Amino acid sequence: MDTPNNISYEQYLQSAVKIAREVGPKILENYSNRDKKVEYKGAVDLVTETDKNTEEAIIKALTTEYPHTKILGEESTKDGIYNWGNEPTWIIDPIDGTTNFVHRFPLFCVAIALSINKEIVVGMIYSPVLNEMFTATKGGGSYLNGVKLDVTNVDNLQQAVIATNVGYDRSEYGVEFMLSNIKNILSQNVQSIRMSGTAAWEMASVACGRLDCFYEWGIHPWDIAASSILITEAGGVVLDPSGGPVQMEGRRVLCGNPKICDLVSKCLGVRKPL
């Protein structure tokens, strides 16, 4: 592998795992607290003091250990400008599923990825409530608590469980677009649809075979970077909803096993730019 300072992907991964486990107890402590000091980034887009403090702690730990690396973090990125280049870059979502966290709904996670030359080479998803640690490195496989993962081999929608989320767009167009996609999938007699409110965890659930497919519009690189390598290393694909190559900064994703993704892609509309 070609990494700066000859640091292995596994070493980077173990650093991310250690840091995630270190911030986990404080997240859990605040999870039980009803007063989470919530702020609004948009009409229905929340951020808490815990999000900010957790990201600060992760950034400090990673940049202290690896001063040559850059940071792309949800709470530290301003005005939607990613500034994501070829340098080794940590992509961080301190709490993916903040609305769940605020309402004490137990599905949320810490997501940390590393990109080199804008390719995701390390990914880690940690659920402190469920005590689940998903890990992957380029060429090294995908794991949940040390057990190797594979995506499902379901090849028809009648046996498939598909996940998506409603996102934050409450415009008439946005609501209609979201509902029309769900209607199109349901009309194909899909077994079920799930909405858990955390793209990173749902994509990790695709990697471990709980879900067959996931799609969403409106997401950011930190929502999908870590889980994308979990899926590809588990034998799945991460695509644009059109079926073409995914663009991490394109604000949309479709992922799962290749056969189901092909079927779901045919059900999804083309959205005007966000």
C-alpha atoms as a PDB file:
ATOM      1  CA  MET A   1       0.000   0.000   0.000  1.00  0.00           C
ATOM      2  CA  ASP A   2       1.161   3.544  -0.718  1.00  0.00           C
ATOM      3  CA  THR A   3       0.492   5.642   2.362  1.00  0.00           C
ATOM      4  CA  PRO A   4       2.309   8.694   3.748  1.00  0.00           C
ATOM      5  CA  ASN A   5       5.070   7.905   6.239  1.00  0.00           C
ATOM      6  CA  ASN A   6       4.540   4.176   5.515  1.00  0.00           C
ATOM      7  CA  ILE A   7       1.674   4.013   7.991  1.00  0.00           C
ATOM      8  CA  SER A   8      -0.491   0.963   7.331  1.00  0.00           C
ATOM      9  CA  TYR A   9      -4.249   1.143   6.800  1.00  0.00           C
ATOM     10  CA  GLU A  10      -4.624  -1.128   9.819  1.00  0.00           C
ATOM     11  CA  GLN A  11      -2.717   1.306  12.029  1.00  0.00           C
ATOM     12  CA  TYR A  12      -4.939   4.174  10.923  1.00  0.00           C
ATOM     13  CA  LEU A  13      -7.995   1.994  11.560  1.00  0.00           C
ATOM     14  CA  GLN A  14      -6.948   0.975  15.051  1.00  0.00           C
ATOM     15  CA  SER A  15      -6.397   4.630  15.949  1.00  0.00           C
ATOM     16  CA  ALA A  16      -9.923   5.464  14.793  1.00  0.00           C
ATOM     17  CA  VAL A  17     -11.354   2.509  16.741  1.00  0.00           C
ATOM     18  CA  LYS A  18      -9.523   3.538  19.916  1.00  0.00           C
ATOM     19  CA  ILE A  19     -10.725   7.133  19.664  1.00  0.00           C
ATOM     20  CA  ALA A  20     -14.332   6.105  18.975  1.00  0.00           C
ATOM     21  CA  ARG A  21     -14.347   3.879  22.053  1.00  0.00           C
ATOM     22  CA  GLU A  22     -12.892   6.725  24.096  1.00  0.00           C
ATOM     23  CA  VAL A  23     -15.666   9.175  23.148  1.00  0.00           C
ATOM     24  CA  GLY A  24     -18.399   6.535  23.479  1.00  0.00           C
ATOM     25  CA  PRO A  25     -18.976   6.775  27.257  1.00  0.00           C
ATOM     26  CA  LYS A  26     -19.506  10.548  27.139  1.00  0.00           C
ATOM     27  CA  ILE A  27     -21.950  10.160  24.258  1.00  0.00           C
ATOM     28  CA  LEU A  28     -23.891   7.559  26.250  1.00  0.00           C
ATOM     29  CA  GLU A  29     -23.896   9.782  29.324  1.00  0.00           C
ATOM     30  CA  ASN A  30     -25.429  12.633  27.338  1.00  0.00           C
ATOM     31  CA  TYR A  31     -27.792  10.282  25.497  1.00  0.00           C
ATOM     32  CA  SER A  32     -29.650   9.690  28.758  1.00  0.00           C
ATOM     33  CA  ASN A  33     -29.874  13.412  29.466  1.00  0.00           C
ATOM     34  CA  ARG A  34     -33.099  15.104  28.353  1.00  0.00           C
ATOM     35  CA  ASP A  35     -31.434  18.533  28.121  1.00  0.00           C
ATOM     36  CA  LYS A  36     -29.036  18.115  25.205  1.00  0.00           C
ATOM     37  CA  LYS A  37     -28.583  21.830  24.362  1.00  0.00           C
ATOM     38  CA  VAL A  38     -30.033  21.506  20.873  1.00  0.00           C
ATOM     39  CA  GLU A  39     -29.420  24.039  18.119  1.00  0.00           C
ATOM     40  CA  TYR A  40     -30.939  24.159  14.642  1.00  0.00           C
ATOM     41  CA  LYS A  41     -28.837  24.160  11.464  1.00  0.00           C
ATOM     42  CA  GLY A  42     -32.066  24.218   9.437  1.00  0.00           C
ATOM     43  CA  ALA A  43     -35.796  23.951   9.999  1.00  0.00           C
ATOM     44  CA  VAL A  44     -35.535  20.284  11.056  1.00  0.00           C
ATOM     45  CA  ASP A  45     -31.748  19.702  11.026  1.00  0.00           C
ATOM     46  CA  LEU A  46     -30.412  19.451  14.596  1.00  0.00           C
ATOM     47  CA  VAL A  47     -27.003  19.720  16.228  1.00  0.00           C
ATOM     48  CA  THR A  48     -26.193  19.269  19.909  1.00  0.00           C
ATOM     49  CA  GLU A  49     -23.380  20.275  22.207  1.00  0.00           C
ATOM     50  CA  THR A  50     -22.417  16.581  22.256  1.00  0.00           C
ATOM     51  CA  ASP A  51     -21.979  16.556  18.448  1.00  0.00           C
ATOM     52  CA  LYS A  52     -19.613  19.516  18.659  1.00  0.00           C
ATOM     53  CA  ASN A  53     -17.636  18.306  21.675  1.00  0.00           C
ATOM     54  CA  THR A  54     -17.300  14.807  20.246  1.00  0.00           C
ATOM     55  CA  GLU A  55     -16.008  16.076  16.907  1.00  0.00           C
ATOM     56  CA  GLU A  56     -13.516  18.350  18.664  1.00  0.00           C
ATOM     57  CA  ALA A  57     -12.224  15.416  20.735  1.00  0.00           C
ATOM     58  CA  ILE A  58     -11.884  13.169  17.664  1.00  0.00           C
ATOM     59  CA  ILE A  59     -10.114  15.860  15.638  1.00  0.00           C
ATOM     60  CA  LYS A  60      -7.688  16.649  18.458  1.00  0.00           C
ATOM     61  CA  ALA A  61      -6.791  12.986  18.932  1.00  0.00           C
ATOM     62  CA  LEU A  62      -6.355  12.207  15.233  1.00  0.00           C
ATOM     63  CA  THR A  63      -4.366  15.314  14.320  1.00  0.00           C
ATOM     64  CA  THR A  64      -2.124  14.880  17.364  1.00  0.00           C
ATOM     65  CA  GLU A  65      -1.276  11.328  16.324  1.00  0.00           C
ATOM     66  CA  TYR A  66      -1.204  12.079  12.590  1.00  0.00           C
ATOM     67  CA  PRO A  67      -0.280  15.754  12.097  1.00  0.00           C
ATOM     68  CA  HIS A  68       0.097  15.250   8.323  1.00  0.00           C
ATOM     69  CA  THR A  69      -3.633  14.537   7.899  1.00  0.00           C
ATOM     70  CA  LYS A  70      -6.469  16.927   7.023  1.00  0.00           C
ATOM     71  CA  ILE A  71     -10.005  16.991   8.455  1.00  0.00           C
ATOM     72  CA  LEU A  72     -13.446  16.994   6.844  1.00  0.00           C
ATOM     73  CA  GLY A  73     -15.938  17.043   9.708  1.00  0.00           C
ATOM     74  CA  GLU A  74     -19.680  17.646   9.784  1.00  0.00           C
ATOM     75  CA  GLU A  75     -19.666  20.263  12.528  1.00  0.00           C
ATOM     76  CA  SER A  76     -16.438  21.998  11.464  1.00  0.00           C
ATOM     77  CA  THR A  77     -17.283  22.314   7.761  1.00  0.00           C
ATOM     78  CA  LYS A  78     -18.709  25.741   6.978  1.00  0.00           C
ATOM     79  CA  ASP A  79     -21.265  26.761   4.343  1.00  0.00           C
ATOM     80  CA  GLY A  80     -21.321  23.343   2.684  1.00  0.00           C
ATOM     81  CA  ILE A  81     -17.812  23.799   1.242  1.00  0.00           C
ATOM     82  CA  TYR A  82     -15.988  20.496   1.610  1.00  0.00           C
ATOM     83  CA  ASN A  83     -12.412  21.501   0.621  1.00  0.00           C
ATOM     84  CA  TRP A  84     -11.619  17.818   0.176  1.00  0.00           C
ATOM     85  CA  GLY A  85      -8.366  17.171  -1.671  1.00  0.00           C
ATOM     86  CA  ASN A  86      -5.868  14.391  -2.340  1.00  0.00           C
ATOM     87  CA  GLU A  87      -4.109  14.711   1.012  1.00  0.00           C
ATOM     88  CA  PRO A  88      -4.804  12.037   3.661  1.00  0.00           C
ATOM     89  CA  THR A  89      -8.099  13.265   5.101  1.00  0.00           C
ATOM     90  CA  TRP A  90     -10.168  12.088   8.054  1.00  0.00           C
ATOM     91  CA  ILE A  91     -13.892  12.307   7.286  1.00  0.00           C
ATOM     92  CA  ILE A  92     -15.853  12.525  10.521  1.00  0.00           C
ATOM     93  CA  ASP A  93     -19.473  12.419  11.590  1.00  0.00           C
ATOM     94  CA  PRO A  94     -19.382  12.589  15.395  1.00  0.00           C
ATOM     95  CA  ILE A  95     -23.011  11.493  15.756  1.00  0.00           C
ATOM     96  CA  ASP A  96     -24.799  10.300  12.644  1.00  0.00           C
ATOM     97  CA  GLY A  97     -28.460  10.255  13.590  1.00  0.00           C
ATOM     98  CA  THR A  98     -28.540  13.356  15.779  1.00  0.00           C
ATOM     99  CA  THR A  99     -32.353  13.529  15.749  1.00  0.00           C
ATOM    100  CA  ASN A 100     -32.452   9.962  17.089  1.00  0.00           C
ATOM    101  CA  PHE A 101     -29.880  10.891  19.727  1.00  0.00           C
ATOM    102  CA  VAL A 102     -31.920  13.915  20.831  1.00  0.00           C
ATOM    103  CA  HIS A 103     -35.107  11.844  21.147  1.00  0.00           C
ATOM    104  CA  ARG A 104     -33.293   8.963  22.865  1.00  0.00           C
ATOM    105  CA  PHE A 105     -34.003   6.630  19.956  1.00  0.00           C
ATOM    106  CA  PRO A 106     -31.071   4.186  20.134  1.00  0.00           C
ATOM    107  CA  LEU A 107     -29.934   4.177  16.491  1.00  0.00           C
ATOM    108  CA  PHE A 108     -27.026   6.574  15.974  1.00  0.00           C
ATOM    109  CA  CYS A 109     -23.305   6.102  15.511  1.00  0.00           C
ATOM    110  CA  VAL A 110     -19.835   7.594  15.302  1.00  0.00           C
ATOM    111  CA  ALA A 111     -18.465   7.473  11.743  1.00  0.00           C
ATOM    112  CA  ILE A 112     -14.780   7.931  10.887  1.00  0.00           C
ATOM    113  CA  ALA A 113     -13.184   7.337   7.481  1.00  0.00           C
ATOM    114  CA  LEU A 114      -9.782   8.058   5.975  1.00  0.00           C
ATOM    115  CA  SER A 115      -9.314   9.017   2.342  1.00  0.00           C
ATOM    116  CA  ILE A 116      -6.042   9.155   0.409  1.00  0.00           C
ATOM    117  CA  ASN A 117      -6.158  10.705  -3.055  1.00  0.00           C
ATOM    118  CA  LYS A 118      -9.920  11.030  -2.427  1.00  0.00           C
ATOM    119  CA  GLU A 119     -10.273   7.240  -2.201  1.00  0.00           C
ATOM    120  CA  ILE A 120     -11.733   5.833   1.003  1.00  0.00           C
ATOM    121  CA  VAL A 121      -9.150   3.398   2.419  1.00  0.00           C
ATOM    122  CA  VAL A 122     -10.307   3.069   6.054  1.00  0.00           C
ATOM    123  CA  GLY A 123     -13.806   3.070   7.517  1.00  0.00           C
ATOM    124  CA  MET A 124     -15.217   2.631  11.013  1.00  0.00           C
ATOM    125  CA  ILE A 125     -18.773   2.837  12.368  1.00  0.00           C
ATOM    126  CA  TYR A 126     -19.345   2.600  16.109  1.00  0.00           C
ATOM    127  CA  SER A 127     -22.730   2.286  17.822  1.00  0.00           C
ATOM    128  CA  PRO A 128     -22.179   2.966  21.531  1.00  0.00           C
ATOM    129  CA  VAL A 129     -25.709   1.881  22.491  1.00  0.00           C
ATOM    130  CA  LEU A 130     -25.521  -1.434  20.637  1.00  0.00           C
ATOM    131  CA  ASN A 131     -21.782  -1.873  21.273  1.00  0.00           C
ATOM    132  CA  GLU A 132     -21.243  -2.628  17.577  1.00  0.00           C
ATOM    133  CA  MET A 133     -17.939  -1.793  15.921  1.00  0.00           C
ATOM    134  CA  PHE A 134     -17.905  -2.034  12.121  1.00  0.00           C
ATOM    135  CA  THR A 135     -14.450  -1.833  10.519  1.00  0.00           C
ATOM    136  CA  ALA A 136     -12.936  -2.062   7.051  1.00  0.00           C
ATOM    137  CA  THR A 137      -9.698  -1.311   5.250  1.00  0.00           C
ATOM    138  CA  LYS A 138      -8.986  -1.296   1.531  1.00  0.00           C
ATOM    139  CA  GLY A 139      -8.321  -4.888   0.496  1.00  0.00           C
ATOM    140  CA  GLY A 140      -8.671  -6.101   4.077  1.00  0.00           C
ATOM    141  CA  GLY A 141     -12.340  -7.066   4.281  1.00  0.00           C
ATOM    142  CA  SER A 142     -15.264  -5.768   6.314  1.00  0.00           C
ATOM    143  CA  TYR A 143     -16.038  -6.802   9.894  1.00  0.00           C
ATOM    144  CA  LEU A 144     -18.558  -6.395  12.712  1.00  0.00           C
ATOM    145  CA  ASN A 145     -16.989  -6.954  16.131  1.00  0.00           C
ATOM    146  CA  GLY A 146     -14.319  -9.035  14.423  1.00  0.00           C
ATOM    147  CA  VAL A 147     -16.690 -11.217  12.361  1.00  0.00           C
ATOM    148  CA  LYS A 148     -16.254 -10.982   8.578  1.00  0.00           C
ATOM    149  CA  LEU A 149     -19.169  -9.520   6.650  1.00  0.00           C
ATOM    150  CA  ASP A 150     -20.874 -10.208   3.334  1.00  0.00           C
ATOM    151  CA  VAL A 151     -23.790  -8.408   1.717  1.00  0.00           C
ATOM    152  CA  THR A 152     -26.902 -10.442   0.939  1.00  0.00           C
ATOM    153  CA  ASN A 153     -27.437 -12.308  -2.325  1.00  0.00           C
ATOM    154  CA  VAL A 154     -31.176 -11.558  -2.568  1.00  0.00           C
ATOM    155  CA  ASP A 155     -31.978 -10.998  -6.238  1.00  0.00           C
ATOM    156  CA  ASN A 156     -35.643  -9.913  -6.236  1.00  0.00           C
ATOM    157  CA  LEU A 157     -37.563  -7.100  -4.570  1.00  0.00           C
ATOM    158  CA  GLN A 158     -40.211  -9.459  -3.176  1.00  0.00           C
ATOM    159  CA  GLN A 159     -37.592 -10.787  -0.743  1.00  0.00           C
ATOM    160  CA  ALA A 160     -35.761  -7.508  -0.194  1.00  0.00           C
ATOM    161  CA  VAL A 161     -35.756  -5.037   2.692  1.00  0.00           C
ATOM    162  CA  ILE A 162     -34.875  -1.570   1.388  1.00  0.00           C
ATOM    163  CA  ALA A 163     -33.929   1.387   3.584  1.00  0.00           C
ATOM    164  CA  THR A 164     -34.083   5.117   2.965  1.00  0.00           C
ATOM    165  CA  ASN A 165     -34.660   8.334   4.936  1.00  0.00           C
ATOM    166  CA  VAL A 166     -36.937  11.342   4.531  1.00  0.00           C
ATOM    167  CA  GLY A 167     -34.068  13.832   4.838  1.00  0.00           C
ATOM    168  CA  TYR A 168     -34.580  17.528   5.544  1.00  0.00           C
ATOM    169  CA  ASP A 169     -36.273  18.835   2.401  1.00  0.00           C
ATOM    170  CA  ARG A 170     -39.840  19.798   3.294  1.00  0.00           C
ATOM    171  CA  SER A 171     -40.577  21.684   0.082  1.00  0.00           C
ATOM    172  CA  GLU A 172     -43.529  20.491  -1.971  1.00  0.00           C
ATOM    173  CA  TYR A 173     -41.161  19.208  -4.638  1.00  0.00           C
ATOM    174  CA  GLY A 174     -38.883  17.462  -2.124  1.00  0.00           C
ATOM    175  CA  VAL A 175     -41.741  15.723  -0.331  1.00  0.00           C
ATOM    176  CA  GLU A 176     -43.346  14.603  -3.593  1.00  0.00           C
ATOM    177  CA  PHE A 177     -40.011  13.287  -4.915  1.00  0.00           C
ATOM    178  CA  MET A 178     -39.372  11.280  -1.738  1.00  0.00           C
ATOM    179  CA  LEU A 179     -42.894   9.829  -1.654  1.00  0.00           C
ATOM    180  CA  SER A 180     -42.928   8.980  -5.372  1.00  0.00           C
ATOM    181  CA  ASN A 181     -39.764   6.896  -4.990  1.00  0.00           C
ATOM    182  CA  ILE A 182     -41.279   4.995  -2.076  1.00  0.00           C
ATOM    183  CA  LYS A 183     -44.485   4.462  -4.049  1.00  0.00           C
ATOM    184  CA  ASN A 184     -42.523   3.138  -7.031  1.00  0.00           C
ATOM    185  CA  ILE A 185     -40.672   0.629  -4.858  1.00  0.00           C
ATOM    186  CA  LEU A 186     -43.813  -0.478  -3.001  1.00  0.00           C
ATOM    187  CA  SER A 187     -45.597  -1.001  -6.315  1.00  0.00           C
ATOM    188  CA  GLN A 188     -42.984  -3.660  -7.121  1.00  0.00           C
ATOM    189  CA  ASN A 189     -44.208  -5.644  -4.093  1.00  0.00           C
ATOM    190  CA  VAL A 190     -41.012  -5.074  -2.119  1.00  0.00           C
ATOM    191  CA  GLN A 191     -40.968  -7.078   1.112  1.00  0.00           C
ATOM    192  CA  SER A 192     -40.486  -3.990   3.279  1.00  0.00           C
ATOM    193  CA  ILE A 193     -39.046  -0.488   3.583  1.00  0.00           C
ATOM    194  CA  ARG A 194     -37.210   0.817   6.652  1.00  0.00           C
ATOM    195  CA  MET A 195     -36.353   4.376   7.744  1.00  0.00           C
ATOM    196  CA  SER A 196     -33.987   4.568  10.709  1.00  0.00           C
ATOM    197  CA  GLY A 197     -32.715   8.141  10.417  1.00  0.00           C
ATOM    198  CA  THR A 198     -28.995   7.358  10.243  1.00  0.00           C
ATOM    199  CA  ALA A 199     -27.460   6.762   6.817  1.00  0.00           C
ATOM    200  CA  ALA A 200     -24.116   5.585   8.192  1.00  0.00           C
ATOM    201  CA  TRP A 201     -25.713   2.907  10.392  1.00  0.00           C
ATOM    202  CA  GLU A 202     -28.147   1.842   7.663  1.00  0.00           C
ATOM    203  CA  MET A 203     -25.301   1.450   5.181  1.00  0.00           C
ATOM    204  CA  ALA A 204     -23.367  -0.564   7.775  1.00  0.00           C
ATOM    205  CA  SER A 205     -26.503  -2.701   8.084  1.00  0.00           C
ATOM    206  CA  VAL A 206     -26.341  -3.297   4.328  1.00  0.00           C
ATOM    207  CA  ALA A 207     -22.734  -4.454   4.740  1.00  0.00           C
ATOM    208  CA  CYS A 208     -23.680  -6.993   7.409  1.00  0.00           C
ATOM    209  CA  GLY A 209     -26.793  -8.267   5.597  1.00  0.00           C
ATOM    210  CA  ARG A 210     -29.556  -6.818   7.791  1.00  0.00           C
ATOM    211  CA  LEU A 211     -30.675  -4.731   4.834  1.00  0.00           C
ATOM    212  CA  ASP A 212     -30.450  -5.507   1.145  1.00  0.00           C
ATOM    213  CA  CYS A 213     -30.227  -1.953  -0.164  1.00  0.00           C
ATOM    214  CA  PHE A 214     -30.139   1.693   0.955  1.00  0.00           C
ATOM    215  CA  TYR A 215     -30.653   4.935  -0.964  1.00  0.00           C
ATOM    216  CA  GLU A 216     -30.925   8.590  -0.026  1.00  0.00           C
ATOM    217  CA  TRP A 217     -30.709  12.099  -1.422  1.00  0.00           C
ATOM    218  CA  GLY A 218     -29.340  15.035   0.581  1.00  0.00           C
ATOM    219  CA  ILE A 219     -26.485  13.230   2.316  1.00  0.00           C
ATOM    220  CA  HIS A 220     -22.903  14.535   2.722  1.00  0.00           C
ATOM    221  CA  PRO A 221     -19.504  12.782   2.461  1.00  0.00           C
ATOM    222  CA  TRP A 222     -19.334  12.265   6.247  1.00  0.00           C
ATOM    223  CA  ASP A 223     -22.680  10.428   6.161  1.00  0.00           C
ATOM    224  CA  ILE A 224     -21.493   7.774   3.722  1.00  0.00           C
ATOM    225  CA  ALA A 225     -17.678   7.676   3.545  1.00  0.00           C
ATOM    226  CA  ALA A 226     -16.979   5.208   6.356  1.00  0.00           C
ATOM    227  CA  SER A 227     -19.840   2.882   5.456  1.00  0.00           C
ATOM    228  CA  SER A 228     -19.049   2.921   1.748  1.00  0.00           C
ATOM    229  CA  ILE A 229     -15.870   0.908   2.255  1.00  0.00           C
ATOM    230  CA  LEU A 230     -17.717  -1.432   4.634  1.00  0.00           C
ATOM    231  CA  ILE A 231     -20.064  -2.276   1.762  1.00  0.00           C
ATOM    232  CA  THR A 232     -17.503  -2.636  -1.024  1.00  0.00           C
ATOM    233  CA  GLU A 233     -15.249  -4.784   1.169  1.00  0.00           C
ATOM    234  CA  ALA A 234     -18.302  -6.948   1.962  1.00  0.00           C
ATOM    235  CA  GLY A 235     -18.905  -7.553  -1.765  1.00  0.00           C
ATOM    236  CA  GLY A 236     -21.488  -4.843  -2.397  1.00  0.00           C
ATOM    237  CA  VAL A 237     -21.600  -1.751  -4.584  1.00  0.00           C
ATOM    238  CA  VAL A 238     -21.934   1.953  -3.792  1.00  0.00           C
ATOM    239  CA  LEU A 239     -23.468   3.888  -6.669  1.00  0.00           C
ATOM    240  CA  ASP A 240     -25.259   7.002  -7.789  1.00  0.00           C
ATOM    241  CA  PRO A 241     -29.027   6.310  -7.734  1.00  0.00           C
ATOM    242  CA  SER A 242     -28.925   6.462 -11.539  1.00  0.00           C
ATOM    243  CA  GLY A 243     -26.755   3.351 -11.457  1.00  0.00           C
ATOM    244  CA  GLY A 244     -23.554   5.148 -12.390  1.00  0.00           C
ATOM    245  CA  PRO A 245     -20.466   5.766 -10.244  1.00  0.00           C
ATOM    246  CA  VAL A 246     -21.088   7.460  -6.911  1.00  0.00           C
ATOM    247  CA  GLN A 247     -19.761  10.955  -6.312  1.00  0.00           C
ATOM    248  CA  MET A 248     -19.018  11.349  -2.602  1.00  0.00           C
ATOM    249  CA  GLU A 249     -19.829  15.049  -2.849  1.00  0.00           C
ATOM    250  CA  GLY A 250     -22.890  14.492  -5.044  1.00  0.00           C
ATOM    251  CA  ARG A 251     -25.416  14.475  -2.161  1.00  0.00           C
ATOM    252  CA  ARG A 252     -26.967  11.101  -3.134  1.00  0.00           C
ATOM    253  CA  VAL A 253     -26.219   7.395  -2.851  1.00  0.00           C
ATOM    254  CA  LEU A 254     -27.533   3.917  -3.688  1.00  0.00           C
ATOM    255  CA  CYS A 255     -25.852   0.853  -2.212  1.00  0.00           C
ATOM    256  CA  GLY A 256     -26.338  -2.861  -1.665  1.00  0.00           C
ATOM    257  CA  ASN A 257     -25.738  -6.054  -3.557  1.00  0.00           C
ATOM    258  CA  PRO A 258     -25.429  -5.434  -7.308  1.00  0.00           C
ATOM    259  CA  LYS A 259     -28.639  -7.227  -8.353  1.00  0.00           C
ATOM    260  CA  ILE A 260     -30.898  -5.373  -5.922  1.00  0.00           C
ATOM    261  CA  CYS A 261     -29.261  -2.022  -6.667  1.00  0.00           C
ATOM    262  CA  ASP A 262     -29.998  -2.518 -10.356  1.00  0.00           C
ATOM    263  CA  LEU A 263     -33.676  -3.201  -9.604  1.00  0.00           C
ATOM    264  CA  VAL A 264     -34.036  -0.307  -7.156  1.00  0.00           C
ATOM    265  CA  SER A 265     -32.288   2.135  -9.491  1.00  0.00           C
ATOM    266  CA  LYS A 266     -35.011   1.516 -12.083  1.00  0.00           C
ATOM    267  CA  CYS A 267     -37.626   2.616  -9.492  1.00  0.00           C
ATOM    268  CA  LEU A 268     -35.959   5.884  -8.536  1.00  0.00           C
ATOM    269  CA  GLY A 269     -36.590   9.254 -10.129  1.00  0.00           C
ATOM    270  CA  VAL A 270     -34.100  11.895 -11.230  1.00  0.00           C
ATOM    271  CA  ARG A 271     -33.989  14.756  -8.758  1.00  0.00           C
ATOM    272  CA  LYS A 272     -33.205  18.343  -9.629  1.00  0.00           C
ATOM    273  CA  PRO A 273     -30.000  19.598  -7.928  1.00  0.00           C
ATOM    274  CA  LEU A 274     -30.148  20.178  -4.178  1.00  0.00           C
END
